[in-house]
Amino acid sequence: MNKQSKDGISVVICCYNSASRLPATLQHIAEQSLDSEILWEIIIVDNASTDNTAEIASTYWQFLNCRIPFNH
């Protein structure tokens, strides 16, 4: 059986020690409005940060209560 998949958008953010800048970026992304038929996700790439970038990003995304999938 051949599964059909929908095309979508991945927003990939590469970070290094971005804990102080990332919340504002995520806020702006969460405020975007797209057609509900468009699938999209946020991917944070943490390049060996020493300031808890990934944890801050995850915590803030949960705070925003956004339904867009988030991975780090």
PDB file of N, CA and C in Angstrom:
ATOM      1  N   MET A   1       0.840  -1.170   0.000  1.00  0.00           N
ATOM      2  CA  MET A   1       0.000   0.000   0.000  1.00  0.00           C
ATOM      3  C   MET A   1       0.890   1.239   0.000  1.00  0.00           C
ATOM      4  N   ASN A   2       0.547   2.200  -0.828  1.00  0.00           N
ATOM      5  CA  ASN A   2       1.319   3.427  -0.955  1.00  0.00           C
ATOM      6  C   ASN A   2       0.657   4.535  -0.159  1.00  0.00           C
ATOM      7  N   LYS A   3       1.320   4.997   0.874  1.00  0.00           N
ATOM      8  CA  LYS A   3       0.761   6.092   1.682  1.00  0.00           C
ATOM      9  C   LYS A   3       1.036   7.415   0.991  1.00  0.00           C
ATOM     10  N   GLN A   4       0.034   8.258   0.983  1.00  0.00           N
ATOM     11  CA  GLN A   4       0.224   9.597   0.449  1.00  0.00           C
ATOM     12  C   GLN A   4       0.549  10.525   1.607  1.00  0.00           C
ATOM     13  N   SER A   5       1.524  11.379   1.394  1.00  0.00           N
ATOM     14  CA  SER A   5       1.846  12.363   2.416  1.00  0.00           C
ATOM     15  C   SER A   5       1.666  13.747   1.829  1.00  0.00           C
ATOM     16  N   LYS A   6       1.276  14.651   2.682  1.00  0.00           N
ATOM     17  CA  LYS A   6       1.101  16.026   2.251  1.00  0.00           C
ATOM     18  C   LYS A   6       2.421  16.759   2.366  1.00  0.00           C
ATOM     19  N   ASP A   7       2.617  17.696   1.464  1.00  0.00           N
ATOM     20  CA  ASP A   7       3.782  18.566   1.568  1.00  0.00           C
ATOM     21  C   ASP A   7       3.553  19.529   2.717  1.00  0.00           C
ATOM     22  N   GLY A   8       4.622  20.019   3.266  1.00  0.00           N
ATOM     23  CA  GLY A   8       4.504  20.947   4.370  1.00  0.00           C
ATOM     24  C   GLY A   8       5.722  21.846   4.457  1.00  0.00           C
ATOM     25  N   ILE A   9       5.814  22.544   5.548  1.00  0.00           N
ATOM     26  CA  ILE A   9       6.886  23.495   5.771  1.00  0.00           C
ATOM     27  C   ILE A   9       7.596  23.131   7.069  1.00  0.00           C
ATOM     28  N   SER A  10       8.918  23.120   7.009  1.00  0.00           N
ATOM     29  CA  SER A  10       9.733  22.968   8.204  1.00  0.00           C
ATOM     30  C   SER A  10      10.481  24.268   8.408  1.00  0.00           C
ATOM     31  N   VAL A  11      10.317  24.876   9.574  1.00  0.00           N
ATOM     32  CA  VAL A  11      11.071  26.068   9.935  1.00  0.00           C
ATOM     33  C   VAL A  11      12.218  25.576  10.802  1.00  0.00           C
ATOM     34  N   VAL A  12      13.432  25.657  10.261  1.00  0.00           N
ATOM     35  CA  VAL A  12      14.616  25.153  10.952  1.00  0.00           C
ATOM     36  C   VAL A  12      15.413  26.346  11.453  1.00  0.00           C
ATOM     37  N   ILE A  13      15.650  26.361  12.761  1.00  0.00           N
ATOM     38  CA  ILE A  13      16.394  27.457  13.379  1.00  0.00           C
ATOM     39  C   ILE A  13      17.666  26.875  13.983  1.00  0.00           C
ATOM     40  N   CYS A  14      18.804  27.244  13.404  1.00  0.00           N
ATOM     41  CA  CYS A  14      20.091  26.795  13.923  1.00  0.00           C
ATOM     42  C   CYS A  14      20.548  27.778  14.995  1.00  0.00           C
ATOM     43  N   CYS A  15      20.910  27.257  16.153  1.00  0.00           N
ATOM     44  CA  CYS A  15      21.220  28.113  17.300  1.00  0.00           C
ATOM     45  C   CYS A  15      22.544  27.752  17.938  1.00  0.00           C
ATOM     46  N   TYR A  16      23.202  28.774  18.430  1.00  0.00           N
ATOM     47  CA  TYR A  16      24.345  28.604  19.310  1.00  0.00           C
ATOM     48  C   TYR A  16      24.243  29.687  20.367  1.00  0.00           C
ATOM     49  N   ASN A  17      24.046  29.282  21.603  1.00  0.00           N
ATOM     50  CA  ASN A  17      23.877  30.210  22.724  1.00  0.00           C
ATOM     51  C   ASN A  17      22.844  31.295  22.404  1.00  0.00           C
ATOM     52  N   SER A  18      21.657  30.838  22.055  1.00  0.00           N
ATOM     53  CA  SER A  18      20.581  31.742  21.628  1.00  0.00           C
ATOM     54  C   SER A  18      19.444  31.849  22.629  1.00  0.00           C
ATOM     55  N   ALA A  19      19.676  31.436  23.856  1.00  0.00           N
ATOM     56  CA  ALA A  19      18.603  31.421  24.857  1.00  0.00           C
ATOM     57  C   ALA A  19      17.969  32.788  25.049  1.00  0.00           C
ATOM     58  N   SER A  20      18.730  33.855  24.953  1.00  0.00           N
ATOM     59  CA  SER A  20      18.167  35.193  25.180  1.00  0.00           C
ATOM     60  C   SER A  20      17.395  35.715  23.968  1.00  0.00           C
ATOM     61  N   ARG A  21      17.725  35.238  22.771  1.00  0.00           N
ATOM     62  CA  ARG A  21      17.067  35.729  21.554  1.00  0.00           C
ATOM     63  C   ARG A  21      15.917  34.848  21.089  1.00  0.00           C
ATOM     64  N   LEU A  22      15.958  33.596  21.446  1.00  0.00           N
ATOM     65  CA  LEU A  22      14.997  32.631  20.912  1.00  0.00           C
ATOM     66  C   LEU A  22      13.550  32.871  21.315  1.00  0.00           C
ATOM     67  N   PRO A  23      13.238  33.276  22.536  1.00  0.00           N
ATOM     68  CA  PRO A  23      11.829  33.493  22.884  1.00  0.00           C
ATOM     69  C   PRO A  23      11.116  34.489  21.957  1.00  0.00           C
ATOM     70  N   ALA A  24      11.756  35.583  21.617  1.00  0.00           N
ATOM     71  CA  ALA A  24      11.118  36.556  20.715  1.00  0.00           C
ATOM     72  C   ALA A  24      10.900  35.949  19.328  1.00  0.00           C
ATOM     73  N   THR A  25      11.870  35.184  18.857  1.00  0.00           N
ATOM     74  CA  THR A  25      11.740  34.525  17.554  1.00  0.00           C
ATOM     75  C   THR A  25      10.570  33.548  17.566  1.00  0.00           C
ATOM     76  N   LEU A  26      10.491  32.734  18.607  1.00  0.00           N
ATOM     77  CA  LEU A  26       9.406  31.759  18.709  1.00  0.00           C
ATOM     78  C   LEU A  26       8.050  32.447  18.839  1.00  0.00           C
ATOM     79  N   GLN A  27       8.004  33.550  19.546  1.00  0.00           N
ATOM     80  CA  GLN A  27       6.758  34.315  19.683  1.00  0.00           C
ATOM     81  C   GLN A  27       6.256  34.747  18.306  1.00  0.00           C
ATOM     82  N   HIS A  28       7.138  35.278  17.486  1.00  0.00           N
ATOM     83  CA  HIS A  28       6.750  35.737  16.148  1.00  0.00           C
ATOM     84  C   HIS A  28       6.304  34.572  15.268  1.00  0.00           C
ATOM     85  N   ILE A  29       6.986  33.457  15.379  1.00  0.00           N
ATOM     86  CA  ILE A  29       6.592  32.280  14.592  1.00  0.00           C
ATOM     87  C   ILE A  29       5.222  31.788  15.036  1.00  0.00           C
ATOM     88  N   ALA A  30       4.982  31.745  16.332  1.00  0.00           N
ATOM     89  CA  ALA A  30       3.697  31.264  16.858  1.00  0.00           C
ATOM     90  C   ALA A  30       2.538  32.153  16.417  1.00  0.00           C
ATOM     91  N   GLU A  31       2.813  33.417  16.148  1.00  0.00           N
ATOM     92  CA  GLU A  31       1.762  34.358  15.751  1.00  0.00           C
ATOM     93  C   GLU A  31       1.413  34.289  14.267  1.00  0.00           C
ATOM     94  N   GLN A  32       2.135  33.470  13.511  1.00  0.00           N
ATOM     95  CA  GLN A  32       1.861  33.346  12.087  1.00  0.00           C
ATOM     96  C   GLN A  32       0.531  32.640  11.870  1.00  0.00           C
ATOM     97  N   SER A  33      -0.136  33.030  10.816  1.00  0.00           N
ATOM     98  CA  SER A  33      -1.385  32.337  10.475  1.00  0.00           C
ATOM     99  C   SER A  33      -1.261  31.772   9.070  1.00  0.00           C
ATOM    100  N   LEU A  34      -1.508  30.498   8.989  1.00  0.00           N
ATOM    101  CA  LEU A  34      -1.479  29.793   7.713  1.00  0.00           C
ATOM    102  C   LEU A  34      -2.791  29.047   7.538  1.00  0.00           C
ATOM    103  N   ASP A  35      -3.085  28.735   6.317  1.00  0.00           N
ATOM    104  CA  ASP A  35      -4.236  27.901   6.013  1.00  0.00           C
ATOM    105  C   ASP A  35      -4.109  26.607   6.814  1.00  0.00           C
ATOM    106  N   SER A  36      -5.164  26.165   7.417  1.00  0.00           N
ATOM    107  CA  SER A  36      -5.119  24.968   8.269  1.00  0.00           C
ATOM    108  C   SER A  36      -4.753  23.711   7.482  1.00  0.00           C
ATOM    109  N   GLU A  37      -4.828  23.766   6.171  1.00  0.00           N
ATOM    110  CA  GLU A  37      -4.456  22.619   5.336  1.00  0.00           C
ATOM    111  C   GLU A  37      -2.942  22.475   5.195  1.00  0.00           C
ATOM    112  N   ILE A  38      -2.211  23.531   5.517  1.00  0.00           N
ATOM    113  CA  ILE A  38      -0.754  23.492   5.384  1.00  0.00           C
ATOM    114  C   ILE A  38      -0.153  22.914   6.657  1.00  0.00           C
ATOM    115  N   LEU A  39       0.583  21.846   6.508  1.00  0.00           N
ATOM    116  CA  LEU A  39       1.268  21.225   7.635  1.00  0.00           C
ATOM    117  C   LEU A  39       2.614  21.911   7.825  1.00  0.00           C
ATOM    118  N   TRP A  40       2.956  22.217   9.080  1.00  0.00           N
ATOM    119  CA  TRP A  40       4.272  22.784   9.324  1.00  0.00           C
ATOM    120  C   TRP A  40       4.774  22.428  10.692  1.00  0.00           C
ATOM    121  N   GLU A  41       6.070  22.622  10.874  1.00  0.00           N
ATOM    122  CA  GLU A  41       6.730  22.263  12.117  1.00  0.00           C
ATOM    123  C   GLU A  41       7.880  23.218  12.376  1.00  0.00           C
ATOM    124  N   ILE A  42       8.314  23.265  13.626  1.00  0.00           N
ATOM    125  CA  ILE A  42       9.466  24.054  14.037  1.00  0.00           C
ATOM    126  C   ILE A  42      10.544  23.068  14.498  1.00  0.00           C
ATOM    127  N   ILE A  43      11.758  23.247  14.003  1.00  0.00           N
ATOM    128  CA  ILE A  43      12.881  22.415  14.412  1.00  0.00           C
ATOM    129  C   ILE A  43      13.992  23.338  14.911  1.00  0.00           C
ATOM    130  N   ILE A  44      14.406  23.132  16.153  1.00  0.00           N
ATOM    131  CA  ILE A  44      15.518  23.880  16.724  1.00  0.00           C
ATOM    132  C   ILE A  44      16.756  22.994  16.670  1.00  0.00           C
ATOM    133  N   VAL A  45      17.801  23.475  16.025  1.00  0.00           N
ATOM    134  CA  VAL A  45      19.070  22.769  15.980  1.00  0.00           C
ATOM    135  C   VAL A  45      20.010  23.478  16.947  1.00  0.00           C
ATOM    136  N   ASP A  46      20.319  22.808  18.031  1.00  0.00           N
ATOM    137  CA  ASP A  46      21.174  23.386  19.072  1.00  0.00           C
ATOM    138  C   ASP A  46      22.613  22.948  18.801  1.00  0.00           C
ATOM    139  N   ASN A  47      23.437  23.866  18.375  1.00  0.00           N
ATOM    140  CA  ASN A  47      24.826  23.570  18.017  1.00  0.00           C
ATOM    141  C   ASN A  47      25.744  23.656  19.235  1.00  0.00           C
ATOM    142  N   ALA A  48      25.551  22.752  20.174  1.00  0.00           N
ATOM    143  CA  ALA A  48      26.398  22.633  21.374  1.00  0.00           C
ATOM    144  C   ALA A  48      26.400  23.902  22.229  1.00  0.00           C
ATOM    145  N   SER A  49      25.231  24.492  22.387  1.00  0.00           N
ATOM    146  CA  SER A  49      25.111  25.694  23.221  1.00  0.00           C
ATOM    147  C   SER A  49      25.447  25.379  24.671  1.00  0.00           C
ATOM    148  N   THR A  50      25.906  26.394  25.377  1.00  0.00           N
ATOM    149  CA  THR A  50      26.221  26.241  26.794  1.00  0.00           C
ATOM    150  C   THR A  50      25.261  27.049  27.665  1.00  0.00           C
ATOM    151  N   ASP A  51      24.215  27.610  27.065  1.00  0.00           N
ATOM    152  CA  ASP A  51      23.281  28.459  27.815  1.00  0.00           C
ATOM    153  C   ASP A  51      21.863  27.886  27.879  1.00  0.00           C
ATOM    154  N   ASN A  52      21.721  26.575  27.740  1.00  0.00           N
ATOM    155  CA  ASN A  52      20.416  25.906  27.817  1.00  0.00           C
ATOM    156  C   ASN A  52      19.456  26.342  26.717  1.00  0.00           C
ATOM    157  N   THR A  53      19.965  26.615  25.536  1.00  0.00           N
ATOM    158  CA  THR A  53      19.139  27.055  24.413  1.00  0.00           C
ATOM    159  C   THR A  53      17.980  26.102  24.161  1.00  0.00           C
ATOM    160  N   ALA A  54      18.232  24.812  24.058  1.00  0.00           N
ATOM    161  CA  ALA A  54      17.173  23.846  23.734  1.00  0.00           C
ATOM    162  C   ALA A  54      16.101  23.812  24.816  1.00  0.00           C
ATOM    163  N   GLU A  55      16.507  23.840  26.067  1.00  0.00           N
ATOM    164  CA  GLU A  55      15.543  23.794  27.165  1.00  0.00           C
ATOM    165  C   GLU A  55      14.694  25.064  27.211  1.00  0.00           C
ATOM    166  N   ILE A  56      15.333  26.208  27.008  1.00  0.00           N
ATOM    167  CA  ILE A  56      14.600  27.478  26.991  1.00  0.00           C
ATOM    168  C   ILE A  56      13.594  27.471  25.846  1.00  0.00           C
ATOM    169  N   ALA A  57      14.017  27.009  24.679  1.00  0.00           N
ATOM    170  CA  ALA A  57      13.128  26.963  23.518  1.00  0.00           C
ATOM    171  C   ALA A  57      11.928  26.062  23.786  1.00  0.00           C
ATOM    172  N   SER A  58      12.172  24.884  24.311  1.00  0.00           N
ATOM    173  CA  SER A  58      11.092  23.947  24.594  1.00  0.00           C
ATOM    174  C   SER A  58      10.120  24.497  25.635  1.00  0.00           C
ATOM    175  N   THR A  59      10.660  25.047  26.707  1.00  0.00           N
ATOM    176  CA  THR A  59       9.822  25.611  27.768  1.00  0.00           C
ATOM    177  C   THR A  59       8.986  26.772  27.253  1.00  0.00           C
ATOM    178  N   TYR A  60       9.597  27.634  26.464  1.00  0.00           N
ATOM    179  CA  TYR A  60       8.859  28.799  25.953  1.00  0.00           C
ATOM    180  C   TYR A  60       7.784  28.370  24.957  1.00  0.00           C
ATOM    181  N   TRP A  61       8.088  27.362  24.121  1.00  0.00           N
ATOM    182  CA  TRP A  61       7.093  26.874  23.161  1.00  0.00           C
ATOM    183  C   TRP A  61       5.884  26.305  23.897  1.00  0.00           C
ATOM    184  N   GLN A  62       6.112  25.595  24.975  1.00  0.00           N
ATOM    185  CA  GLN A  62       5.004  25.078  25.779  1.00  0.00           C
ATOM    186  C   GLN A  62       4.205  26.222  26.390  1.00  0.00           C
ATOM    187  N   PHE A  63       4.890  27.256  26.858  1.00  0.00           N
ATOM    188  CA  PHE A  63       4.234  28.432  27.417  1.00  0.00           C
ATOM    189  C   PHE A  63       3.312  29.092  26.381  1.00  0.00           C
ATOM    190  N   LEU A  64       3.756  29.126  25.124  1.00  0.00           N
ATOM    191  CA  LEU A  64       2.951  29.730  24.058  1.00  0.00           C
ATOM    192  C   LEU A  64       1.715  28.896  23.722  1.00  0.00           C
ATOM    193  N   ASN A  65       1.730  27.622  24.115  1.00  0.00           N
ATOM    194  CA  ASN A  65       0.604  26.724  23.889  1.00  0.00           C
ATOM    195  C   ASN A  65       0.214  26.668  22.407  1.00  0.00           C
ATOM    196  N   CYS A  66       1.210  26.578  21.565  1.00  0.00           N
ATOM    197  CA  CYS A  66       1.001  26.556  20.121  1.00  0.00           C
ATOM    198  C   CYS A  66       0.845  25.107  19.663  1.00  0.00           C
ATOM    199  N   ARG A  67      -0.006  24.878  18.716  1.00  0.00           N
ATOM    200  CA  ARG A  67      -0.284  23.516  18.245  1.00  0.00           C
ATOM    201  C   ARG A  67       0.683  23.035  17.170  1.00  0.00           C
ATOM    202  N   ILE A  68       1.574  23.892  16.748  1.00  0.00           N
ATOM    203  CA  ILE A  68       2.524  23.518  15.713  1.00  0.00           C
ATOM    204  C   ILE A  68       3.565  22.588  16.316  1.00  0.00           C
ATOM    205  N   PRO A  69       3.846  21.446  15.663  1.00  0.00           N
ATOM    206  CA  PRO A  69       4.851  20.522  16.206  1.00  0.00           C
ATOM    207  C   PRO A  69       6.205  21.190  16.375  1.00  0.00           C
ATOM    208  N   PHE A  70       6.864  20.844  17.462  1.00  0.00           N
ATOM    209  CA  PHE A  70       8.144  21.445  17.841  1.00  0.00           C
ATOM    210  C   PHE A  70       9.123  20.343  18.196  1.00  0.00           C
ATOM    211  N   ASN A  71      10.300  20.391  17.603  1.00  0.00           N
ATOM    212  CA  ASN A  71      11.341  19.382  17.889  1.00  0.00           C
ATOM    213  C   ASN A  71      12.660  20.077  18.134  1.00  0.00           C
ATOM    214  N   HIS A  72      13.440  19.472  19.006  1.00  0.00           N
ATOM    215  CA  HIS A  72      14.816  19.971  19.209  1.00  0.00           C
ATOM    216  C   HIS A  72      15.728  18.801  19.465  1.00  0.00           C
TER     217      HIS A  72
END
